[in-house]
C-alpha atoms as a PDB file:
ATOM      1  CA  MET A   1      22.989  83.004 125.733  1.00  0.00           C
ATOM      2  CA  ALA A   2      25.995  83.122 126.364  1.00  0.00           C
ATOM      3  CA  THR A   3      26.006  85.762 129.258  1.00  0.00           C
ATOM      4  CA  ASP A   4      23.490  83.586 130.972  1.00  0.00           C
ATOM      5  CA  GLN A   5      25.916  80.547 131.010  1.00  0.00           C
ATOM      6  CA  ASP A   6      29.005  83.133 131.774  1.00  0.00           C
ATOM      7  CA  ALA A   7      26.588  84.248 134.957  1.00  0.00           C
ATOM      8  CA  THR A   8      26.077  80.716 135.693  1.00  0.00           C
ATOM      9  CA  CYS A   9      29.712  79.305 135.476  1.00  0.00           C
ATOM     10  CA  LYS A  10      30.733  82.200 137.593  1.00  0.00           C
ATOM     11  CA  ARG A  11      28.153  81.616 140.128  1.00  0.00           C
ATOM     12  CA  LEU A  12      29.132  77.989 140.367  1.00  0.00           C
ATOM     13  CA  LYS A  13      32.612  79.070 140.800  1.00  0.00           C
ATOM     14  CA  ARG A  14      31.690  81.285 143.533  1.00  0.00           C
ATOM     15  CA  ILE A  15      29.960  78.278 145.404  1.00  0.00           C
ATOM     16  CA  GLU A  16      33.227  75.971 144.758  1.00  0.00           C
ATOM     17  CA  GLY A  17      35.019  78.844 146.655  1.00  0.00           C
ATOM     18  CA  GLN A  18      32.433  78.674 149.398  1.00  0.00           C
ATOM     19  CA  VAL A  19      33.013  74.662 149.641  1.00  0.00           C
ATOM     20  CA  ARG A  20      36.454  75.111 150.055  1.00  0.00           C
ATOM     21  CA  GLY A  21      35.832  77.695 152.980  1.00  0.00           C
ATOM     22  CA  ILE A  22      33.673  75.028 154.733  1.00  0.00           C
ATOM     23  CA  VAL A  23      36.301  72.367 154.027  1.00  0.00           C
ATOM     24  CA  ARG A  24      38.788  74.695 156.072  1.00  0.00           C
ATOM     25  CA  MET A  25      36.362  75.517 158.563  1.00  0.00           C
ATOM     26  CA  ILE A  26      36.050  71.850 159.433  1.00  0.00           C
ATOM     27  CA  GLU A  27      39.358  71.176 159.001  1.00  0.00           C
ATOM     28  CA  GLU A  28      40.220  74.143 161.433  1.00  0.00           C
ATOM     29  CA  ASP A  29      37.491  73.006 164.010  1.00  0.00           C
ATOM     30  CA  ARG A  30      35.506  75.905 163.682  1.00  0.00           C
ATOM     31  CA  TYR A  31      32.090  76.501 165.526  1.00  0.00           C
ATOM     32  CA  CYS A  32      29.554  73.961 164.271  1.00  0.00           C
ATOM     33  CA  ILE A  33      26.945  76.837 163.650  1.00  0.00           C
ATOM     34  CA  ASP A  34      29.186  78.602 161.951  1.00  0.00           C
ATOM     35  CA  VAL A  35      29.698  75.525 159.802  1.00  0.00           C
ATOM     36  CA  LEU A  36      26.249  75.110 159.201  1.00  0.00           C
ATOM     37  CA  GLN A  37      25.122  78.820 158.365  1.00  0.00           C
ATOM     38  CA  GLN A  38      27.931  78.570 155.554  1.00  0.00           C
ATOM     39  CA  LEU A  39      26.392  75.032 154.440  1.00  0.00           C
ATOM     40  CA  GLN A  40      22.665  77.027 154.394  1.00  0.00           C
ATOM     41  CA  ALA A  41      24.382  79.386 152.297  1.00  0.00           C
ATOM     42  CA  VAL A  42      25.906  77.101 149.480  1.00  0.00           C
ATOM     43  CA  GLN A  43      22.299  75.338 149.525  1.00  0.00           C
ATOM     44  CA  ALA A  44      20.820  78.496 148.928  1.00  0.00           C
ATOM     45  CA  ALA A  45      23.068  79.467 146.137  1.00  0.00           C
ATOM     46  CA  LEU A  46      22.584  76.171 144.462  1.00  0.00           C
ATOM     47  CA  ALA A  47      18.967  76.526 144.647  1.00  0.00           C
ATOM     48  CA  ARG A  48      19.265  79.960 142.770  1.00  0.00           C
ATOM     49  CA  VAL A  49      21.773  77.980 140.157  1.00  0.00           C
ATOM     50  CA  GLU A  50      18.774  75.396 139.731  1.00  0.00           C
ATOM     51  CA  ASP A  51      16.464  77.979 139.560  1.00  0.00           C
ATOM     52  CA  ALA A  52      18.229  79.828 136.488  1.00  0.00           C
ATOM     53  CA  VAL A  53      19.314  76.358 134.413  1.00  0.00           C
ATOM     54  CA  LEU A  54      15.467  75.640 134.923  1.00  0.00           C
ATOM     55  CA  LYS A  55      14.364  78.765 133.249  1.00  0.00           C
ATOM     56  CA  ASP A  56      17.002  78.633 130.690  1.00  0.00           C
ATOM     57  CA  HIS A  57      15.727  75.185 129.839  1.00  0.00           C
ATOM     58  CA  THR A  58      11.988  76.150 129.319  1.00  0.00           C
ATOM     59  CA  ALA A  59      13.098  79.080 127.653  1.00  0.00           C
ATOM     60  CA  THR A  60      14.838  77.203 125.047  1.00  0.00           C
ATOM     61  CA  CYS A  61      14.362  73.592 124.978  1.00  0.00           C
ATOM     62  CA  VAL A  62      11.084  73.356 125.702  1.00  0.00           C
ATOM     63  CA  GLU A  63       9.840  76.574 123.989  1.00  0.00           C
ATOM     64  CA  SER A  64      11.819  74.565 120.952  1.00  0.00           C
ATOM     65  CA  ALA A  65       9.430  71.608 121.372  1.00  0.00           C
ATOM     66  CA  ILE A  66       6.502  73.302 121.709  1.00  0.00           C
ATOM     67  CA  ALA A  67       7.436  75.710 118.380  1.00  0.00           C
ATOM     68  CA  SER A  68       8.262  72.275 116.349  1.00  0.00           C
ATOM     69  CA  GLY A  69       4.451  71.229 116.807  1.00  0.00           C
ATOM     70  CA  ASP A  70       6.045  67.697 116.938  1.00  0.00           C
ATOM     71  CA  ALA A  71       3.783  66.135 119.866  1.00  0.00           C
ATOM     72  CA  GLY A  72       5.967  63.233 120.899  1.00  0.00           C
ATOM     73  CA  GLU A  73       8.732  65.860 121.374  1.00  0.00           C
ATOM     74  CA  GLN A  74       6.594  68.242 123.516  1.00  0.00           C
ATOM     75  CA  ARG A  75       5.670  65.239 125.304  1.00  0.00           C
ATOM     76  CA  ARG A  76       9.111  64.132 125.925  1.00  0.00           C
ATOM     77  CA  LYS A  77      10.207  67.422 127.221  1.00  0.00           C
ATOM     78  CA  PHE A  78       6.852  67.800 129.384  1.00  0.00           C
ATOM     79  CA  ASN A  79       8.043  63.975 131.064  1.00  0.00           C
ATOM     80  CA  GLU A  80      11.720  64.931 131.449  1.00  0.00           C
ATOM     81  CA  LEU A  81      10.445  67.741 133.967  1.00  0.00           C
ATOM     82  CA  VAL A  82       7.821  65.620 135.679  1.00  0.00           C
ATOM     83  CA  ASP A  83      10.517  63.079 136.330  1.00  0.00           C
ATOM     84  CA  LEU A  84      12.762  65.426 137.428  1.00  0.00           C
ATOM     85  CA  PHE A  85      10.824  67.059 139.847  1.00  0.00           C
ATOM     86  CA  ALA A  86       9.552  63.370 141.034  1.00  0.00           C
ATOM     87  CA  ARG A  87      13.107  62.449 141.708  1.00  0.00           C
ATOM     88  CA  THR A  88      13.378  65.565 144.318  1.00  0.00           C
ATOM     89  CA  LYS A  89      10.560  64.419 146.104  1.00  0.00           C
ATOM     90  CA  ARG A  90      12.227  60.799 147.130  1.00  0.00           C
END
């Protein structure tokens, strides 16, 4: 699991560098389309990180709740995901 976390942290640090680059671009009054392209690249990179964290959550937390046989815990984990996705629709 540590390698997944390491990879996720590495991706996030790369994204952090991209964001700093965008700040510099704006400070240097770079062409808007260039800035927008970099913003889209950051959004896509964040979406990939989100996917990785979601997969990890289902492979660990949700799977553990299912294996426990505890219906209440299973319901809680399911409802967490439903609530999360509901918030993204707002």
